[in-house]
Amino acid sequence: MAKVTYITPSGNEVVVEDAIGNLMEIAREYDVEGIEGACSGCCSCATCHVRVKPEWLDKTGRATEAEQDLIDLESDTDERSRLSCQIEMTDELDGLVV
């Protein structure tokens, strides 16, 4: 199982051991501040926006075109921006920080 660490907008860390599912589902289950997931993971909003730590970008991959279109509509995004509903936890992502 994989571990993921969320850094909230207020700077708190939420660590989830044995993370299963996509990052948005996990964040909602653990009430992670700042991740709403209004569309329930349909990639039709951007309320689950996260920033992937640079050292993890190669493993998570870049945003898809549809995902990037939504990210581009938001303010305060950058090249590390992803929608957490589009990142599925795998053993390869063990230790991921967003």
N, C-alpha and C. Protein backbone atom coordinates (compact mmCIF):
# COMPACT_ATOMS: atom_id res chain seq x y z
N MET A 1 0.84 -1.19 0.00
CA MET A 1 0.00 0.00 0.00
C MET A 1 0.88 1.25 0.00
N ALA A 2 0.32 2.34 -0.47
CA ALA A 2 1.08 3.57 -0.65
C ALA A 2 0.69 4.63 0.39
N LYS A 3 1.64 5.51 0.67
CA LYS A 3 1.41 6.63 1.59
C LYS A 3 1.41 7.92 0.79
N VAL A 4 0.50 8.84 1.16
CA VAL A 4 0.46 10.15 0.53
C VAL A 4 0.39 11.21 1.62
N THR A 5 1.07 12.33 1.40
CA THR A 5 1.03 13.47 2.32
C THR A 5 0.44 14.66 1.59
N TYR A 6 -0.59 15.24 2.19
CA TYR A 6 -1.22 16.45 1.67
C TYR A 6 -0.72 17.63 2.50
N ILE A 7 -0.30 18.70 1.85
CA ILE A 7 0.03 19.95 2.52
C ILE A 7 -1.17 20.87 2.27
N THR A 8 -1.88 21.23 3.33
CA THR A 8 -3.10 22.02 3.18
C THR A 8 -2.78 23.49 2.94
N PRO A 9 -3.77 24.27 2.49
CA PRO A 9 -3.54 25.71 2.28
C PRO A 9 -3.04 26.43 3.52
N SER A 10 -3.40 25.94 4.70
CA SER A 10 -2.94 26.58 5.93
C SER A 10 -1.60 26.03 6.40
N GLY A 11 -1.00 25.11 5.62
CA GLY A 11 0.33 24.61 5.94
C GLY A 11 0.37 23.34 6.78
N ASN A 12 -0.78 22.80 7.13
CA ASN A 12 -0.81 21.56 7.90
C ASN A 12 -0.54 20.36 7.00
N GLU A 13 0.01 19.31 7.58
CA GLU A 13 0.24 18.07 6.84
C GLU A 13 -0.80 17.04 7.25
N VAL A 14 -1.37 16.37 6.27
CA VAL A 14 -2.27 15.24 6.51
C VAL A 14 -1.62 14.05 5.83
N VAL A 15 -1.23 13.06 6.62
CA VAL A 15 -0.56 11.87 6.10
C VAL A 15 -1.55 10.72 6.11
N VAL A 16 -1.69 10.07 4.96
CA VAL A 16 -2.59 8.93 4.84
C VAL A 16 -1.75 7.70 4.48
N GLU A 17 -1.75 6.73 5.37
CA GLU A 17 -1.09 5.45 5.12
C GLU A 17 -2.08 4.55 4.38
N ASP A 18 -1.60 3.62 3.63
CA ASP A 18 -2.46 2.66 2.91
C ASP A 18 -3.50 3.36 2.05
N ALA A 19 -3.07 4.38 1.31
CA ALA A 19 -3.96 5.17 0.46
C ALA A 19 -4.40 4.35 -0.75
N ILE A 20 -5.72 4.26 -0.93
CA ILE A 20 -6.29 3.52 -2.06
C ILE A 20 -7.30 4.42 -2.75
N GLY A 21 -7.24 4.48 -4.08
CA GLY A 21 -8.16 5.30 -4.86
C GLY A 21 -7.43 6.48 -5.48
N ASN A 22 -8.22 7.46 -5.93
CA ASN A 22 -7.57 8.66 -6.46
C ASN A 22 -7.37 9.67 -5.33
N LEU A 23 -6.50 10.63 -5.56
CA LEU A 23 -6.15 11.58 -4.50
C LEU A 23 -7.34 12.38 -3.99
N MET A 24 -8.30 12.69 -4.86
CA MET A 24 -9.48 13.44 -4.43
C MET A 24 -10.34 12.59 -3.49
N GLU A 25 -10.58 11.33 -3.83
CA GLU A 25 -11.37 10.44 -2.98
C GLU A 25 -10.73 10.28 -1.61
N ILE A 26 -9.43 10.08 -1.61
CA ILE A 26 -8.70 9.92 -0.35
C ILE A 26 -8.80 11.19 0.48
N ALA A 27 -8.59 12.34 -0.15
CA ALA A 27 -8.66 13.62 0.56
C ALA A 27 -10.03 13.85 1.17
N ARG A 28 -11.08 13.53 0.44
CA ARG A 28 -12.44 13.72 0.97
C ARG A 28 -12.69 12.78 2.14
N GLU A 29 -12.20 11.55 2.04
CA GLU A 29 -12.39 10.58 3.13
C GLU A 29 -11.71 11.06 4.41
N TYR A 30 -10.58 11.75 4.27
CA TYR A 30 -9.83 12.21 5.43
C TYR A 30 -10.03 13.70 5.71
N ASP A 31 -11.05 14.30 5.11
CA ASP A 31 -11.40 15.71 5.34
C ASP A 31 -10.21 16.65 5.17
N VAL A 32 -9.47 16.47 4.10
CA VAL A 32 -8.31 17.33 3.84
C VAL A 32 -8.81 18.71 3.42
N GLU A 33 -8.39 19.71 4.16
CA GLU A 33 -8.76 21.10 3.88
C GLU A 33 -8.35 21.49 2.46
N GLY A 34 -9.26 22.18 1.76
CA GLY A 34 -8.95 22.73 0.46
C GLY A 34 -9.27 21.84 -0.73
N ILE A 35 -9.68 20.61 -0.48
CA ILE A 35 -10.04 19.71 -1.58
C ILE A 35 -11.51 19.38 -1.47
N GLU A 36 -12.30 20.05 -2.31
CA GLU A 36 -13.75 19.90 -2.27
C GLU A 36 -14.23 18.74 -3.13
N GLY A 37 -13.81 18.69 -4.36
CA GLY A 37 -14.25 17.64 -5.27
C GLY A 37 -15.73 17.75 -5.61
N ALA A 38 -16.16 18.94 -5.99
CA ALA A 38 -17.58 19.22 -6.24
C ALA A 38 -18.19 18.32 -7.31
N CYS A 39 -17.41 17.89 -8.29
CA CYS A 39 -17.95 17.06 -9.38
C CYS A 39 -17.80 15.57 -9.08
N SER A 40 -17.33 15.25 -7.89
CA SER A 40 -17.14 13.85 -7.46
C SER A 40 -16.16 13.07 -8.33
N GLY A 41 -15.22 13.76 -8.92
CA GLY A 41 -14.16 13.09 -9.67
C GLY A 41 -14.41 12.92 -11.15
N CYS A 42 -15.34 13.69 -11.71
CA CYS A 42 -15.66 13.58 -13.15
C CYS A 42 -14.77 14.43 -14.03
N CYS A 43 -13.81 15.12 -13.46
CA CYS A 43 -12.93 16.03 -14.21
C CYS A 43 -13.75 17.10 -14.93
N SER A 44 -14.71 17.69 -14.17
CA SER A 44 -15.53 18.75 -14.77
C SER A 44 -15.54 20.01 -13.91
N CYS A 45 -14.70 20.05 -12.89
CA CYS A 45 -14.52 21.26 -12.09
C CYS A 45 -13.03 21.30 -11.73
N ALA A 46 -12.63 22.19 -10.93
CA ALA A 46 -11.22 22.21 -10.52
C ALA A 46 -11.12 22.41 -9.01
N THR A 47 -12.14 21.95 -8.29
CA THR A 47 -12.17 22.16 -6.84
C THR A 47 -11.32 21.13 -6.09
N CYS A 48 -10.60 20.31 -6.82
CA CYS A 48 -9.69 19.35 -6.18
C CYS A 48 -8.24 19.62 -6.61
N HIS A 49 -7.98 20.85 -7.01
CA HIS A 49 -6.64 21.25 -7.48
C HIS A 49 -5.59 21.01 -6.40
N VAL A 50 -4.48 20.43 -6.81
CA VAL A 50 -3.31 20.26 -5.94
C VAL A 50 -2.07 20.63 -6.74
N ARG A 51 -0.98 20.82 -6.02
CA ARG A 51 0.33 21.01 -6.65
C ARG A 51 1.19 19.82 -6.27
N VAL A 52 1.70 19.16 -7.27
CA VAL A 52 2.56 18.00 -7.06
C VAL A 52 3.98 18.50 -6.82
N LYS A 53 4.62 17.99 -5.78
CA LYS A 53 6.02 18.35 -5.53
C LYS A 53 6.85 18.01 -6.76
N PRO A 54 7.79 18.87 -7.15
CA PRO A 54 8.55 18.69 -8.39
C PRO A 54 9.17 17.30 -8.56
N GLU A 55 9.67 16.74 -7.48
CA GLU A 55 10.34 15.45 -7.58
C GLU A 55 9.38 14.29 -7.91
N TRP A 56 8.07 14.56 -7.87
CA TRP A 56 7.08 13.52 -8.16
C TRP A 56 6.44 13.67 -9.54
N LEU A 57 6.71 14.74 -10.24
CA LEU A 57 6.03 14.99 -11.52
C LEU A 57 6.26 13.90 -12.56
N ASP A 58 7.45 13.34 -12.61
CA ASP A 58 7.69 12.27 -13.58
C ASP A 58 6.84 11.04 -13.30
N LYS A 59 6.58 10.79 -12.03
CA LYS A 59 5.80 9.60 -11.67
C LYS A 59 4.29 9.83 -11.81
N THR A 60 3.82 11.02 -11.47
CA THR A 60 2.38 11.29 -11.59
C THR A 60 2.00 11.61 -13.02
N GLY A 61 2.95 12.11 -13.78
CA GLY A 61 2.67 12.56 -15.13
C GLY A 61 2.10 13.96 -15.14
N ARG A 62 2.05 14.52 -16.31
CA ARG A 62 1.49 15.86 -16.49
C ARG A 62 -0.01 15.76 -16.69
N ALA A 63 -0.68 16.88 -16.59
CA ALA A 63 -2.13 16.93 -16.78
C ALA A 63 -2.52 16.55 -18.20
N THR A 64 -3.65 15.87 -18.33
CA THR A 64 -4.20 15.58 -19.65
C THR A 64 -4.72 16.88 -20.25
N GLU A 65 -5.07 16.87 -21.52
CA GLU A 65 -5.58 18.08 -22.17
C GLU A 65 -6.87 18.56 -21.50
N ALA A 66 -7.79 17.65 -21.23
CA ALA A 66 -9.06 18.03 -20.58
C ALA A 66 -8.81 18.59 -19.19
N GLU A 67 -7.92 17.96 -18.47
CA GLU A 67 -7.56 18.43 -17.12
C GLU A 67 -6.92 19.81 -17.20
N GLN A 68 -6.00 19.99 -18.14
CA GLN A 68 -5.31 21.27 -18.29
C GLN A 68 -6.28 22.39 -18.65
N ASP A 69 -7.29 22.08 -19.46
CA ASP A 69 -8.30 23.09 -19.81
C ASP A 69 -8.98 23.63 -18.56
N LEU A 70 -9.28 22.77 -17.60
CA LEU A 70 -9.91 23.20 -16.35
C LEU A 70 -8.91 23.97 -15.49
N ILE A 71 -7.70 23.49 -15.41
CA ILE A 71 -6.67 24.17 -14.62
C ILE A 71 -6.44 25.58 -15.15
N ASP A 72 -6.45 25.73 -16.47
CA ASP A 72 -6.21 27.04 -17.10
C ASP A 72 -7.29 28.06 -16.74
N LEU A 73 -8.46 27.61 -16.34
CA LEU A 73 -9.55 28.52 -15.95
C LEU A 73 -9.38 29.05 -14.53
N GLU A 74 -8.51 28.43 -13.77
CA GLU A 74 -8.31 28.79 -12.37
C GLU A 74 -7.16 29.78 -12.21
N SER A 75 -7.21 30.53 -11.13
CA SER A 75 -6.08 31.40 -10.80
C SER A 75 -5.14 30.64 -9.86
N ASP A 76 -3.97 31.14 -9.68
CA ASP A 76 -3.00 30.56 -8.75
C ASP A 76 -2.65 29.11 -9.08
N THR A 77 -2.39 28.85 -10.35
CA THR A 77 -1.94 27.53 -10.77
C THR A 77 -0.56 27.66 -11.42
N ASP A 78 0.12 26.56 -11.57
CA ASP A 78 1.42 26.57 -12.22
C ASP A 78 1.67 25.22 -12.88
N GLU A 79 2.91 25.01 -13.34
CA GLU A 79 3.23 23.79 -14.08
C GLU A 79 3.13 22.53 -13.22
N ARG A 80 3.05 22.68 -11.90
CA ARG A 80 2.90 21.54 -11.01
C ARG A 80 1.44 21.22 -10.70
N SER A 81 0.53 22.01 -11.23
CA SER A 81 -0.89 21.86 -10.93
C SER A 81 -1.48 20.61 -11.57
N ARG A 82 -2.26 19.91 -10.78
CA ARG A 82 -3.01 18.74 -11.25
C ARG A 82 -4.35 18.74 -10.53
N LEU A 83 -5.30 18.02 -11.08
CA LEU A 83 -6.56 17.78 -10.40
C LEU A 83 -6.40 16.45 -9.68
N SER A 84 -6.65 16.46 -8.37
CA SER A 84 -6.38 15.26 -7.58
C SER A 84 -7.26 14.08 -7.98
N CYS A 85 -8.40 14.35 -8.60
CA CYS A 85 -9.27 13.25 -9.05
C CYS A 85 -8.65 12.48 -10.21
N GLN A 86 -7.63 13.03 -10.82
CA GLN A 86 -7.02 12.40 -11.99
C GLN A 86 -5.71 11.68 -11.66
N ILE A 87 -5.36 11.63 -10.38
CA ILE A 87 -4.15 10.92 -9.96
C ILE A 87 -4.56 9.73 -9.12
N GLU A 88 -4.37 8.56 -9.66
CA GLU A 88 -4.69 7.30 -8.98
C GLU A 88 -3.47 6.84 -8.19
N MET A 89 -3.66 6.55 -6.90
CA MET A 89 -2.54 6.08 -6.08
C MET A 89 -2.12 4.69 -6.53
N THR A 90 -0.82 4.51 -6.64
CA THR A 90 -0.22 3.22 -6.97
C THR A 90 0.96 3.01 -6.03
N ASP A 91 1.48 1.80 -6.00
CA ASP A 91 2.67 1.54 -5.18
C ASP A 91 3.84 2.41 -5.63
N GLU A 92 3.90 2.73 -6.91
CA GLU A 92 4.96 3.59 -7.44
C GLU A 92 4.92 5.00 -6.84
N LEU A 93 3.73 5.42 -6.38
CA LEU A 93 3.57 6.76 -5.81
C LEU A 93 3.71 6.77 -4.29
N ASP A 94 4.17 5.67 -3.71
CA ASP A 94 4.36 5.60 -2.26
C ASP A 94 5.27 6.73 -1.80
N GLY A 95 4.77 7.58 -0.89
CA GLY A 95 5.54 8.71 -0.38
C GLY A 95 5.20 10.03 -1.05
N LEU A 96 4.25 10.01 -1.99
CA LEU A 96 3.86 11.21 -2.74
C LEU A 96 3.49 12.36 -1.81
N VAL A 97 3.90 13.57 -2.19
CA VAL A 97 3.56 14.78 -1.45
C VAL A 97 2.90 15.76 -2.41
N VAL A 98 1.70 16.22 -2.03
CA VAL A 98 0.97 17.21 -2.82
C VAL A 98 0.50 18.32 -1.92
